């Protein structure tokens, strides 16, 4: 499915990928706990936000400031950079968001398994 997204050119993404990344951030914000991973649309095709973040992991373009704050407010440790302008590349943001999506998916999977175990134990004790 990665091949339906535009490729990076020497680390640079076309503006359509920048916009898709922004849409994926917004979809993450709107994601209701316990539901499936949200999707965004690229040329009429649904693309899971995790795929967008994974696709941008090698993008060297600088993230716009409004997106930087959307990322840094999710971090448990303060963002710091060696860059003189304290700029964040899309690659860093993409890796952070990919991990956030995976953690959320694992929490959901874990709660699904725990609910199944509780139900199974209840059925075993009440024949």
N, C-alpha and C. Protein backbone atom coordinates (compact mmCIF):
# COMPACT_ATOMS: atom_id res chain seq x y z
N UNK A 1 0.83 -1.20 0.00
CA UNK A 1 0.00 0.00 0.00
C UNK A 1 0.87 1.26 0.00
N UNK A 2 2.14 1.14 0.45
CA UNK A 2 3.02 2.29 0.46
C UNK A 2 3.18 2.90 -0.93
N UNK A 3 3.10 2.07 -1.99
CA UNK A 3 3.36 2.58 -3.33
C UNK A 3 2.23 3.47 -3.85
N UNK A 4 1.10 3.56 -3.16
CA UNK A 4 0.07 4.48 -3.63
C UNK A 4 0.32 5.90 -3.13
N UNK A 5 1.25 6.06 -2.22
CA UNK A 5 1.64 7.40 -1.77
C UNK A 5 2.82 7.88 -2.60
N UNK A 6 2.88 9.18 -2.87
CA UNK A 6 4.01 9.69 -3.66
C UNK A 6 5.34 9.42 -2.96
N UNK A 7 6.33 9.12 -3.72
CA UNK A 7 7.66 8.83 -3.17
C UNK A 7 8.37 10.12 -2.77
N UNK A 8 9.29 10.00 -1.85
CA UNK A 8 10.15 11.11 -1.48
C UNK A 8 11.23 11.24 -2.56
N UNK A 9 11.69 12.46 -2.77
CA UNK A 9 12.76 12.70 -3.73
C UNK A 9 13.94 13.28 -2.97
N UNK A 10 14.98 12.45 -2.78
CA UNK A 10 16.16 12.86 -2.03
C UNK A 10 15.77 13.42 -0.66
N UNK A 11 14.84 12.76 0.00
CA UNK A 11 14.42 13.16 1.34
C UNK A 11 13.32 14.20 1.38
N UNK A 12 12.92 14.70 0.23
CA UNK A 12 11.90 15.75 0.18
C UNK A 12 10.56 15.17 -0.28
N UNK A 13 9.50 15.62 0.36
CA UNK A 13 8.16 15.14 0.04
C UNK A 13 7.41 16.19 -0.76
N UNK A 14 6.56 15.75 -1.67
CA UNK A 14 5.70 16.71 -2.37
C UNK A 14 4.70 17.32 -1.39
N UNK A 15 4.18 18.46 -1.72
CA UNK A 15 3.25 19.17 -0.85
C UNK A 15 2.03 18.30 -0.51
N UNK A 16 1.64 17.42 -1.43
CA UNK A 16 0.49 16.55 -1.15
C UNK A 16 0.76 15.65 0.05
N UNK A 17 2.00 15.20 0.22
CA UNK A 17 2.34 14.39 1.40
C UNK A 17 2.36 15.24 2.67
N UNK A 18 2.81 16.47 2.56
CA UNK A 18 2.77 17.37 3.72
C UNK A 18 1.33 17.56 4.18
N UNK A 19 0.45 17.77 3.22
CA UNK A 19 -0.97 17.96 3.55
C UNK A 19 -1.59 16.69 4.11
N UNK A 20 -1.20 15.54 3.57
CA UNK A 20 -1.71 14.26 4.07
C UNK A 20 -1.23 14.03 5.50
N UNK A 21 0.00 14.41 5.79
CA UNK A 21 0.55 14.29 7.14
C UNK A 21 -0.27 15.15 8.10
N UNK A 22 -0.58 16.39 7.69
CA UNK A 22 -1.41 17.27 8.52
C UNK A 22 -2.78 16.65 8.76
N UNK A 23 -3.37 16.08 7.72
CA UNK A 23 -4.67 15.42 7.85
C UNK A 23 -4.58 14.23 8.82
N UNK A 24 -3.46 13.50 8.75
CA UNK A 24 -3.27 12.36 9.65
C UNK A 24 -3.15 12.81 11.10
N UNK A 25 -2.47 13.94 11.32
CA UNK A 25 -2.40 14.51 12.68
C UNK A 25 -3.78 14.87 13.20
N UNK A 26 -4.58 15.49 12.35
CA UNK A 26 -5.94 15.87 12.75
C UNK A 26 -6.78 14.62 13.01
N UNK A 27 -6.62 13.59 12.20
CA UNK A 27 -7.37 12.35 12.40
C UNK A 27 -6.96 11.69 13.71
N UNK A 28 -5.67 11.78 14.04
CA UNK A 28 -5.20 11.23 15.32
C UNK A 28 -5.88 11.97 16.47
N UNK A 29 -5.96 13.29 16.36
CA UNK A 29 -6.61 14.09 17.41
C UNK A 29 -8.08 13.71 17.59
N UNK A 30 -8.74 13.36 16.49
CA UNK A 30 -10.17 13.02 16.53
C UNK A 30 -10.42 11.54 16.85
N UNK A 31 -9.37 10.76 16.95
CA UNK A 31 -9.48 9.32 17.17
C UNK A 31 -10.13 9.03 18.51
N UNK A 32 -11.23 8.32 18.48
CA UNK A 32 -11.95 7.96 19.70
C UNK A 32 -11.34 6.68 20.25
N UNK A 33 -11.00 6.74 21.53
CA UNK A 33 -10.38 5.59 22.21
C UNK A 33 -11.21 4.33 22.01
N UNK A 34 -10.55 3.24 21.67
CA UNK A 34 -11.23 1.96 21.50
C UNK A 34 -11.71 1.67 20.09
N UNK A 35 -11.55 2.63 19.18
CA UNK A 35 -11.98 2.40 17.80
C UNK A 35 -10.78 2.06 16.93
N UNK A 36 -11.06 1.66 15.71
CA UNK A 36 -9.99 1.31 14.76
C UNK A 36 -9.14 2.54 14.42
N UNK A 37 -7.95 2.28 13.91
CA UNK A 37 -7.05 3.36 13.49
C UNK A 37 -7.73 4.18 12.41
N UNK A 38 -7.75 5.50 12.56
CA UNK A 38 -8.39 6.34 11.54
C UNK A 38 -7.67 6.27 10.20
N UNK A 39 -8.39 6.67 9.17
CA UNK A 39 -7.81 6.74 7.83
C UNK A 39 -7.95 8.17 7.31
N UNK A 40 -7.09 8.49 6.37
CA UNK A 40 -7.19 9.73 5.61
C UNK A 40 -7.27 9.31 4.15
N UNK A 41 -7.64 10.23 3.31
CA UNK A 41 -7.84 9.87 1.90
C UNK A 41 -6.82 10.55 1.01
N UNK A 42 -6.20 9.72 0.17
CA UNK A 42 -5.27 10.22 -0.83
C UNK A 42 -5.77 9.75 -2.19
N UNK A 43 -6.14 10.71 -3.02
CA UNK A 43 -6.68 10.43 -4.35
C UNK A 43 -7.83 9.42 -4.28
N UNK A 44 -8.70 9.61 -3.30
CA UNK A 44 -9.89 8.78 -3.16
C UNK A 44 -9.67 7.43 -2.49
N UNK A 45 -8.45 7.13 -2.08
CA UNK A 45 -8.15 5.86 -1.45
C UNK A 45 -7.91 6.07 0.04
N UNK A 46 -8.54 5.23 0.87
CA UNK A 46 -8.35 5.30 2.32
C UNK A 46 -6.96 4.79 2.68
N UNK A 47 -6.26 5.58 3.47
CA UNK A 47 -4.91 5.23 3.91
C UNK A 47 -4.87 5.36 5.43
N UNK A 48 -4.54 4.27 6.16
CA UNK A 48 -4.43 4.37 7.61
C UNK A 48 -3.37 5.40 8.00
N UNK A 49 -3.64 6.14 9.07
CA UNK A 49 -2.70 7.20 9.45
C UNK A 49 -1.33 6.62 9.81
N UNK A 50 -1.27 5.41 10.34
CA UNK A 50 0.03 4.81 10.65
C UNK A 50 0.88 4.67 9.39
N UNK A 51 0.25 4.38 8.28
CA UNK A 51 0.97 4.24 7.02
C UNK A 51 1.52 5.59 6.55
N UNK A 52 0.76 6.64 6.75
CA UNK A 52 1.23 7.99 6.39
C UNK A 52 2.46 8.33 7.22
N UNK A 53 2.37 8.11 8.54
CA UNK A 53 3.51 8.43 9.41
C UNK A 53 4.72 7.58 9.04
N UNK A 54 4.52 6.30 8.79
CA UNK A 54 5.62 5.42 8.42
C UNK A 54 6.25 5.86 7.09
N UNK A 55 5.44 6.27 6.16
CA UNK A 55 5.92 6.69 4.84
C UNK A 55 6.82 7.94 4.93
N UNK A 56 6.55 8.78 5.92
CA UNK A 56 7.29 10.05 6.05
C UNK A 56 8.51 9.95 6.97
N UNK A 57 8.86 8.76 7.42
CA UNK A 57 9.94 8.61 8.41
C UNK A 57 11.31 9.02 7.89
N UNK A 58 11.48 9.14 6.58
CA UNK A 58 12.78 9.55 6.02
C UNK A 58 12.73 10.94 5.40
N UNK A 59 11.66 11.68 5.66
CA UNK A 59 11.50 13.00 5.06
C UNK A 59 12.32 14.03 5.83
N UNK A 60 13.19 14.73 5.12
CA UNK A 60 14.08 15.71 5.75
C UNK A 60 13.50 17.13 5.75
N UNK A 61 12.32 17.31 5.17
CA UNK A 61 11.69 18.63 5.15
C UNK A 61 11.39 19.08 6.59
N UNK A 62 11.40 20.38 6.79
CA UNK A 62 11.14 20.94 8.12
C UNK A 62 9.63 21.05 8.35
N UNK A 63 9.21 20.58 9.50
CA UNK A 63 7.80 20.62 9.88
C UNK A 63 7.37 22.06 10.16
N UNK A 64 6.22 22.49 9.66
CA UNK A 64 5.74 23.84 10.00
C UNK A 64 5.51 23.98 11.51
N UNK A 65 5.69 25.20 12.02
CA UNK A 65 5.59 25.44 13.47
C UNK A 65 4.28 24.97 14.08
N UNK A 66 3.16 25.16 13.36
CA UNK A 66 1.89 24.75 13.94
C UNK A 66 1.83 23.23 14.14
N UNK A 67 2.49 22.48 13.27
CA UNK A 67 2.54 21.03 13.43
C UNK A 67 3.54 20.62 14.50
N UNK A 68 4.62 21.41 14.65
CA UNK A 68 5.61 21.11 15.69
C UNK A 68 4.92 21.13 17.05
N UNK A 69 4.10 22.16 17.31
CA UNK A 69 3.43 22.21 18.61
C UNK A 69 2.45 21.07 18.78
N UNK A 70 1.80 20.64 17.70
CA UNK A 70 0.87 19.51 17.78
C UNK A 70 1.61 18.23 18.17
N UNK A 71 2.86 18.12 17.76
CA UNK A 71 3.66 16.94 18.11
C UNK A 71 4.23 17.08 19.51
N UNK A 72 4.86 18.21 19.81
CA UNK A 72 5.56 18.35 21.09
C UNK A 72 4.62 18.32 22.28
N UNK A 73 3.37 18.71 22.12
CA UNK A 73 2.45 18.66 23.26
C UNK A 73 2.09 17.22 23.63
N UNK A 74 2.38 16.27 22.77
CA UNK A 74 2.11 14.86 23.06
C UNK A 74 3.29 14.17 23.76
N UNK A 75 4.44 14.81 23.73
CA UNK A 75 5.64 14.18 24.28
C UNK A 75 5.64 14.21 25.80
N UNK A 76 6.18 13.15 26.40
CA UNK A 76 6.28 13.11 27.85
C UNK A 76 7.53 13.84 28.34
N UNK A 77 8.52 13.98 27.46
CA UNK A 77 9.72 14.75 27.78
C UNK A 77 9.73 15.98 26.89
N UNK A 78 10.28 17.08 27.37
CA UNK A 78 10.31 18.29 26.53
C UNK A 78 11.15 18.08 25.27
N UNK A 79 10.70 18.68 24.16
CA UNK A 79 11.42 18.60 22.89
C UNK A 79 12.64 19.50 22.96
N UNK A 80 13.79 18.95 22.59
CA UNK A 80 14.99 19.77 22.47
C UNK A 80 15.71 19.33 21.20
N UNK A 81 16.42 20.27 20.63
CA UNK A 81 17.08 20.00 19.37
C UNK A 81 18.43 20.68 19.34
N UNK A 82 19.35 20.12 18.55
CA UNK A 82 20.65 20.76 18.36
C UNK A 82 20.60 21.82 17.27
N UNK A 83 19.49 21.89 16.58
CA UNK A 83 19.32 22.85 15.50
C UNK A 83 19.30 24.27 16.05
N UNK A 84 19.97 25.21 15.37
CA UNK A 84 19.99 26.58 15.89
C UNK A 84 18.60 27.22 15.95
N UNK A 85 17.70 26.80 15.08
CA UNK A 85 16.36 27.37 15.07
C UNK A 85 15.34 26.46 15.76
N UNK A 86 15.86 25.39 16.37
CA UNK A 86 15.00 24.43 17.06
C UNK A 86 13.90 23.92 16.14
N UNK A 87 14.29 23.48 14.94
CA UNK A 87 13.34 22.99 13.94
C UNK A 87 13.24 21.48 14.03
N UNK A 88 12.06 20.99 13.73
CA UNK A 88 11.82 19.54 13.73
C UNK A 88 11.56 19.08 12.30
N UNK A 89 12.30 18.07 11.84
CA UNK A 89 12.02 17.54 10.51
C UNK A 89 10.78 16.63 10.54
N UNK A 90 10.16 16.45 9.40
CA UNK A 90 9.02 15.55 9.30
C UNK A 90 9.40 14.15 9.78
N UNK A 91 10.65 13.74 9.53
CA UNK A 91 11.07 12.39 9.92
C UNK A 91 10.92 12.17 11.42
N UNK A 92 11.32 13.13 12.22
CA UNK A 92 11.19 13.02 13.68
C UNK A 92 9.72 12.97 14.08
N UNK A 93 8.94 13.87 13.54
CA UNK A 93 7.51 13.91 13.85
C UNK A 93 6.84 12.60 13.43
N UNK A 94 7.21 12.09 12.26
CA UNK A 94 6.61 10.86 11.75
C UNK A 94 6.92 9.68 12.67
N UNK A 95 8.15 9.62 13.14
CA UNK A 95 8.53 8.52 14.03
C UNK A 95 7.81 8.61 15.37
N UNK A 96 7.69 9.82 15.90
CA UNK A 96 6.96 10.03 17.15
C UNK A 96 5.51 9.59 16.98
N UNK A 97 4.87 10.05 15.91
CA UNK A 97 3.45 9.75 15.72
C UNK A 97 3.23 8.27 15.42
N UNK A 98 4.14 7.64 14.70
CA UNK A 98 4.01 6.21 14.43
C UNK A 98 4.02 5.42 15.74
N UNK A 99 4.92 5.79 16.64
CA UNK A 99 4.99 5.13 17.95
C UNK A 99 3.70 5.39 18.74
N UNK A 100 3.19 6.62 18.68
CA UNK A 100 1.95 6.94 19.41
C UNK A 100 0.78 6.08 18.90
N UNK A 101 0.70 5.92 17.59
CA UNK A 101 -0.37 5.09 17.01
C UNK A 101 -0.21 3.65 17.46
N UNK A 102 1.01 3.11 17.40
CA UNK A 102 1.26 1.72 17.80
C UNK A 102 0.92 1.51 19.28
N UNK A 103 1.29 2.44 20.13
CA UNK A 103 0.98 2.31 21.56
C UNK A 103 -0.53 2.27 21.77
N UNK A 104 -1.23 3.11 21.06
CA UNK A 104 -2.69 3.16 21.20
C UNK A 104 -3.32 1.86 20.69
N UNK A 105 -2.79 1.34 19.59
CA UNK A 105 -3.29 0.06 19.08
C UNK A 105 -3.04 -1.06 20.08
N UNK A 106 -1.88 -1.06 20.70
CA UNK A 106 -1.55 -2.10 21.68
C UNK A 106 -2.45 -2.00 22.91
N UNK A 107 -2.73 -0.78 23.36
CA UNK A 107 -3.66 -0.61 24.49
C UNK A 107 -5.02 -1.19 24.13
N UNK A 108 -5.48 -0.91 22.91
CA UNK A 108 -6.78 -1.42 22.47
C UNK A 108 -6.76 -2.94 22.40
N UNK A 109 -5.72 -3.51 21.84
CA UNK A 109 -5.61 -4.97 21.73
C UNK A 109 -5.57 -5.61 23.11
N UNK A 110 -4.83 -5.00 24.01
CA UNK A 110 -4.72 -5.51 25.36
C UNK A 110 -6.07 -5.49 26.06
N UNK A 111 -6.84 -4.41 25.89
CA UNK A 111 -8.14 -4.34 26.55
C UNK A 111 -9.11 -5.34 25.92
N UNK A 112 -9.01 -5.59 24.61
CA UNK A 112 -9.84 -6.60 23.95
C UNK A 112 -9.55 -7.99 24.52
N UNK A 113 -8.27 -8.30 24.70
CA UNK A 113 -7.87 -9.60 25.24
C UNK A 113 -8.35 -9.73 26.68
N UNK A 114 -8.17 -8.68 27.48
CA UNK A 114 -8.61 -8.73 28.87
C UNK A 114 -10.12 -8.92 28.97
N UNK A 115 -10.88 -8.28 28.11
CA UNK A 115 -12.33 -8.45 28.12
C UNK A 115 -12.69 -9.89 27.76
N UNK A 116 -12.00 -10.47 26.79
CA UNK A 116 -12.25 -11.86 26.41
C UNK A 116 -11.95 -12.80 27.58
N UNK A 117 -10.84 -12.58 28.26
CA UNK A 117 -10.45 -13.43 29.39
C UNK A 117 -11.48 -13.32 30.51
N UNK A 118 -11.92 -12.11 30.82
CA UNK A 118 -12.94 -11.93 31.87
C UNK A 118 -14.22 -12.67 31.51
N UNK A 119 -14.63 -12.54 30.26
CA UNK A 119 -15.86 -13.21 29.82
C UNK A 119 -15.71 -14.73 29.88
N UNK A 120 -14.56 -15.23 29.45
CA UNK A 120 -14.29 -16.67 29.49
C UNK A 120 -14.30 -17.18 30.93
N UNK A 121 -13.65 -16.45 31.84
CA UNK A 121 -13.62 -16.86 33.25
C UNK A 121 -15.01 -16.84 33.86
N UNK A 122 -15.81 -15.86 33.48
CA UNK A 122 -17.18 -15.77 33.98
C UNK A 122 -18.01 -16.97 33.51
N UNK A 123 -17.84 -17.36 32.26
CA UNK A 123 -18.54 -18.52 31.72
C UNK A 123 -18.08 -19.82 32.40
N UNK A 124 -16.81 -19.92 32.72
CA UNK A 124 -16.28 -21.10 33.39
C UNK A 124 -16.82 -21.23 34.81
N UNK A 125 -16.98 -20.13 35.52
CA UNK A 125 -17.43 -20.18 36.91
C UNK A 125 -18.95 -20.32 37.02
N UNK A 126 -19.69 -19.94 35.96
CA UNK A 126 -21.15 -20.02 35.95
C UNK A 126 -21.60 -20.94 34.81
N UNK A 127 -21.49 -22.28 35.02
CA UNK A 127 -21.85 -23.18 33.92
C UNK A 127 -23.30 -23.16 33.56
